[in-house]
Amino acid sequence: MKELELTSLLFRLADIGITGIKVHYDGGGDSGAIEQIAYTKVKCDTPEDVNDEIDAWENKMSLAALDSGLYSLVEEFSEDKLLNDIEDWWNNEGGYGDLCICIPSGKYIINNSVRITETEDFFHNGSLLEKAED
């Protein structure tokens, strides 16, 4: 997406009264996806305001339900230009997070959480004969 296309997208969102969007993503096991894109029409001055305003799972303000074309554009840009350039949230144990964007300024924050599994090694030895029952 070129700068002019991005600017157009931000203004299209603003024209329908959207002041912020929250993109929730989740991944693991070598794949990941955007789970939901929610929006708000409440005044948001910062991306942190967007994060506070939208609960991605409880808020019923789904961008997909409002305009599937805008949803697809936001989804594509979010994955290609932002989420693919941060810590790996889709491989192995994966991760999850939220991308919060102010509309129309385009200022954003990403709250990315990466799952990490720790491994502890133990060594045991003995004799099978010691384990045999009489």
C-alpha atoms as a PDB file:
ATOM      1  CA  MET A   1       0.000   0.000   0.000  1.00  0.00           C
ATOM      2  CA  LYS A   2       1.450   3.341  -1.071  1.00  0.00           C
ATOM      3  CA  GLU A   3       1.351   6.514   1.037  1.00  0.00           C
ATOM      4  CA  LEU A   4      -1.534   7.997  -0.968  1.00  0.00           C
ATOM      5  CA  GLU A   5      -3.583   4.793  -0.554  1.00  0.00           C
ATOM      6  CA  LEU A   6      -2.886   4.722   3.182  1.00  0.00           C
ATOM      7  CA  THR A   7      -3.884   8.374   3.559  1.00  0.00           C
ATOM      8  CA  SER A   8      -7.078   7.662   1.635  1.00  0.00           C
ATOM      9  CA  LEU A   9      -7.847   4.695   3.917  1.00  0.00           C
ATOM     10  CA  LEU A  10      -7.350   6.782   7.063  1.00  0.00           C
ATOM     11  CA  PHE A  11      -9.646   9.514   5.745  1.00  0.00           C
ATOM     12  CA  ARG A  12     -12.292   6.981   4.645  1.00  0.00           C
ATOM     13  CA  LEU A  13     -12.332   5.639   8.203  1.00  0.00           C
ATOM     14  CA  ALA A  14     -12.529   9.177   9.631  1.00  0.00           C
ATOM     15  CA  ASP A  15     -15.340  10.107   7.210  1.00  0.00           C
ATOM     16  CA  ILE A  16     -17.572   7.430   8.734  1.00  0.00           C
ATOM     17  CA  GLY A  17     -16.781   8.677  12.237  1.00  0.00           C
ATOM     18  CA  ILE A  18     -14.143   6.153  13.316  1.00  0.00           C
ATOM     19  CA  THR A  19     -11.579   7.649  15.695  1.00  0.00           C
ATOM     20  CA  GLY A  20      -9.598   4.518  16.496  1.00  0.00           C
ATOM     21  CA  ILE A  21      -9.166   0.887  15.581  1.00  0.00           C
ATOM     22  CA  LYS A  22      -7.771  -2.044  17.529  1.00  0.00           C
ATOM     23  CA  VAL A  23      -6.375  -5.036  15.670  1.00  0.00           C
ATOM     24  CA  HIS A  24      -6.159  -8.193  17.798  1.00  0.00           C
ATOM     25  CA  TYR A  25      -3.866 -10.972  16.545  1.00  0.00           C
ATOM     26  CA  ASP A  26      -2.821 -14.403  17.794  1.00  0.00           C
ATOM     27  CA  GLY A  27      -0.470 -17.088  16.541  1.00  0.00           C
ATOM     28  CA  GLY A  28       1.550 -20.186  17.228  1.00  0.00           C
ATOM     29  CA  GLY A  29       2.781 -23.385  15.644  1.00  0.00           C
ATOM     30  CA  ASP A  30       4.053 -21.668  12.489  1.00  0.00           C
ATOM     31  CA  SER A  31       0.916 -19.695  11.719  1.00  0.00           C
ATOM     32  CA  GLY A  32      -0.846 -16.609  12.946  1.00  0.00           C
ATOM     33  CA  ALA A  33      -3.758 -14.423  12.030  1.00  0.00           C
ATOM     34  CA  ILE A  34      -5.659 -11.295  12.823  1.00  0.00           C
ATOM     35  CA  GLU A  35      -8.546 -12.445  14.972  1.00  0.00           C
ATOM     36  CA  GLN A  36     -10.599  -9.263  15.084  1.00  0.00           C
ATOM     37  CA  ILE A  37     -10.554  -5.587  14.177  1.00  0.00           C
ATOM     38  CA  ALA A  38     -12.742  -3.409  16.379  1.00  0.00           C
ATOM     39  CA  TYR A  39     -13.357   0.325  16.153  1.00  0.00           C
ATOM     40  CA  THR A  40     -14.548   3.215  18.250  1.00  0.00           C
ATOM     41  CA  LYS A  41     -16.197   6.515  17.499  1.00  0.00           C
ATOM     42  CA  VAL A  42     -15.302   7.970  20.900  1.00  0.00           C
ATOM     43  CA  LYS A  43     -12.698  10.760  20.747  1.00  0.00           C
ATOM     44  CA  CYS A  44      -9.196   9.262  21.089  1.00  0.00           C
ATOM     45  CA  ASP A  45      -6.178  11.566  21.203  1.00  0.00           C
ATOM     46  CA  THR A  46      -3.537   8.852  21.545  1.00  0.00           C
ATOM     47  CA  PRO A  47      -3.146   5.186  20.624  1.00  0.00           C
ATOM     48  CA  GLU A  48      -3.264   4.457  24.358  1.00  0.00           C
ATOM     49  CA  ASP A  49      -6.756   6.029  24.426  1.00  0.00           C
ATOM     50  CA  VAL A  50      -7.774   3.624  21.660  1.00  0.00           C
ATOM     51  CA  ASN A  51      -6.428   0.711  23.705  1.00  0.00           C
ATOM     52  CA  ASP A  52      -8.362   1.862  26.782  1.00  0.00           C
ATOM     53  CA  GLU A  53     -11.563   2.502  24.829  1.00  0.00           C
ATOM     54  CA  ILE A  54     -11.817  -0.779  22.922  1.00  0.00           C
ATOM     55  CA  ASP A  55     -12.006  -4.188  24.521  1.00  0.00           C
ATOM     56  CA  ALA A  56     -11.364  -6.279  21.408  1.00  0.00           C
ATOM     57  CA  TRP A  57     -13.363  -9.251  22.693  1.00  0.00           C
ATOM     58  CA  GLU A  58     -16.295  -7.562  24.415  1.00  0.00           C
ATOM     59  CA  ASN A  59     -16.805  -4.608  22.104  1.00  0.00           C
ATOM     60  CA  LYS A  60     -19.332  -5.405  19.409  1.00  0.00           C
ATOM     61  CA  MET A  61     -18.004  -2.679  17.127  1.00  0.00           C
ATOM     62  CA  SER A  62     -16.541  -5.016  14.494  1.00  0.00           C
ATOM     63  CA  LEU A  63     -15.036  -3.349  11.448  1.00  0.00           C
ATOM     64  CA  ALA A  64     -15.846  -6.468   9.395  1.00  0.00           C
ATOM     65  CA  ALA A  65     -19.561  -6.033  10.156  1.00  0.00           C
ATOM     66  CA  LEU A  66     -19.436  -2.315   9.371  1.00  0.00           C
ATOM     67  CA  ASP A  67     -17.456  -2.468   6.102  1.00  0.00           C
ATOM     68  CA  SER A  68     -15.761  -5.659   4.904  1.00  0.00           C
ATOM     69  CA  GLY A  69     -13.744  -3.761   2.286  1.00  0.00           C
ATOM     70  CA  LEU A  70     -12.211  -1.449   4.875  1.00  0.00           C
ATOM     71  CA  TYR A  71     -11.597  -4.450   7.128  1.00  0.00           C
ATOM     72  CA  SER A  72      -9.615  -6.172   4.363  1.00  0.00           C
ATOM     73  CA  LEU A  73      -7.521  -3.065   3.693  1.00  0.00           C
ATOM     74  CA  VAL A  74      -6.705  -2.562   7.382  1.00  0.00           C
ATOM     75  CA  GLU A  75      -5.957  -6.267   7.809  1.00  0.00           C
ATOM     76  CA  GLU A  76      -3.610  -6.388   4.810  1.00  0.00           C
ATOM     77  CA  PHE A  77      -1.725  -3.222   5.795  1.00  0.00           C
ATOM     78  CA  SER A  78      -1.449  -4.296   9.443  1.00  0.00           C
ATOM     79  CA  GLU A  79       0.052  -7.671   8.570  1.00  0.00           C
ATOM     80  CA  ASP A  80       2.330  -6.576   5.717  1.00  0.00           C
ATOM     81  CA  LYS A  81       3.701  -3.313   7.092  1.00  0.00           C
ATOM     82  CA  LEU A  82       3.553  -3.625  10.876  1.00  0.00           C
ATOM     83  CA  LEU A  83       3.055  -7.082  12.351  1.00  0.00           C
ATOM     84  CA  ASN A  84       5.538  -8.862  10.082  1.00  0.00           C
ATOM     85  CA  ASP A  85       8.289  -6.494  11.293  1.00  0.00           C
ATOM     86  CA  ILE A  86       8.039  -7.130  15.045  1.00  0.00           C
ATOM     87  CA  GLU A  87       9.024 -10.007  17.320  1.00  0.00           C
ATOM     88  CA  ASP A  88       7.979 -13.424  16.030  1.00  0.00           C
ATOM     89  CA  TRP A  89       4.424 -13.995  17.291  1.00  0.00           C
ATOM     90  CA  TRP A  90       3.436 -16.803  14.894  1.00  0.00           C
ATOM     91  CA  ASN A  91       6.116 -19.542  15.178  1.00  0.00           C
ATOM     92  CA  ASN A  92       6.657 -22.171  17.868  1.00  0.00           C
ATOM     93  CA  GLU A  93       4.776 -21.164  21.036  1.00  0.00           C
ATOM     94  CA  GLY A  94       3.694 -18.008  19.236  1.00  0.00           C
ATOM     95  CA  GLY A  95       2.260 -14.906  20.752  1.00  0.00           C
ATOM     96  CA  TYR A  96      -0.575 -12.432  20.651  1.00  0.00           C
ATOM     97  CA  GLY A  97      -1.261  -8.756  20.971  1.00  0.00           C
ATOM     98  CA  ASP A  98      -3.039  -5.631  19.900  1.00  0.00           C
ATOM     99  CA  LEU A  99      -2.248  -2.930  17.388  1.00  0.00           C
ATOM    100  CA  CYS A 100      -4.019   0.333  18.287  1.00  0.00           C
ATOM    101  CA  ILE A 101      -4.276   3.087  15.678  1.00  0.00           C
ATOM    102  CA  CYS A 102      -5.566   6.650  16.032  1.00  0.00           C
ATOM    103  CA  ILE A 103      -7.670   7.841  13.135  1.00  0.00           C
ATOM    104  CA  PRO A 104      -6.910   9.967  11.100  1.00  0.00           C
ATOM    105  CA  SER A 105      -3.379  10.692  12.433  1.00  0.00           C
ATOM    106  CA  GLY A 106      -2.172   7.121  11.925  1.00  0.00           C
ATOM    107  CA  LYS A 107      -0.218   7.101  15.192  1.00  0.00           C
ATOM    108  CA  TYR A 108      -0.030   3.590  16.590  1.00  0.00           C
ATOM    109  CA  ILE A 109       1.206   1.334  19.373  1.00  0.00           C
ATOM    110  CA  ILE A 110       1.678  -2.415  19.343  1.00  0.00           C
ATOM    111  CA  ASN A 111       1.372  -4.390  22.564  1.00  0.00           C
ATOM    112  CA  ASN A 112       3.053  -7.671  21.540  1.00  0.00           C
ATOM    113  CA  SER A 113       3.359 -10.683  23.849  1.00  0.00           C
ATOM    114  CA  VAL A 114       5.560 -13.618  22.876  1.00  0.00           C
ATOM    115  CA  ARG A 115       5.047 -16.992  24.534  1.00  0.00           C
ATOM    116  CA  ILE A 116       8.305 -18.616  25.696  1.00  0.00           C
ATOM    117  CA  THR A 117       8.580 -22.137  27.038  1.00  0.00           C
ATOM    118  CA  GLU A 118      11.436 -22.912  29.383  1.00  0.00           C
ATOM    119  CA  THR A 119      13.037 -26.337  29.458  1.00  0.00           C
ATOM    120  CA  GLU A 120      14.577 -27.948  32.515  1.00  0.00           C
ATOM    121  CA  ASP A 121      16.796 -30.981  31.996  1.00  0.00           C
ATOM    122  CA  PHE A 122      17.173 -33.826  34.485  1.00  0.00           C
ATOM    123  CA  PHE A 123      19.471 -36.838  34.437  1.00  0.00           C
ATOM    124  CA  HIS A 124      18.722 -40.119  36.185  1.00  0.00           C
ATOM    125  CA  ASN A 125      20.734 -43.326  36.359  1.00  0.00           C
ATOM    126  CA  GLY A 126      20.574 -46.613  38.143  1.00  0.00           C
ATOM    127  CA  SER A 127      20.382 -50.320  37.597  1.00  0.00           C
ATOM    128  CA  LEU A 128      17.368 -52.155  36.276  1.00  0.00           C
ATOM    129  CA  LEU A 129      18.079 -54.968  38.687  1.00  0.00           C
ATOM    130  CA  GLU A 130      17.697 -52.544  41.613  1.00  0.00           C
ATOM    131  CA  LYS A 131      14.208 -51.716  40.331  1.00  0.00           C
ATOM    132  CA  ALA A 132      13.151 -55.336  39.924  1.00  0.00           C
ATOM    133  CA  GLU A 133      10.770 -56.651  42.561  1.00  0.00           C
ATOM    134  CA  ASP A 134      11.677 -59.785  44.470  1.00  0.00           C
END
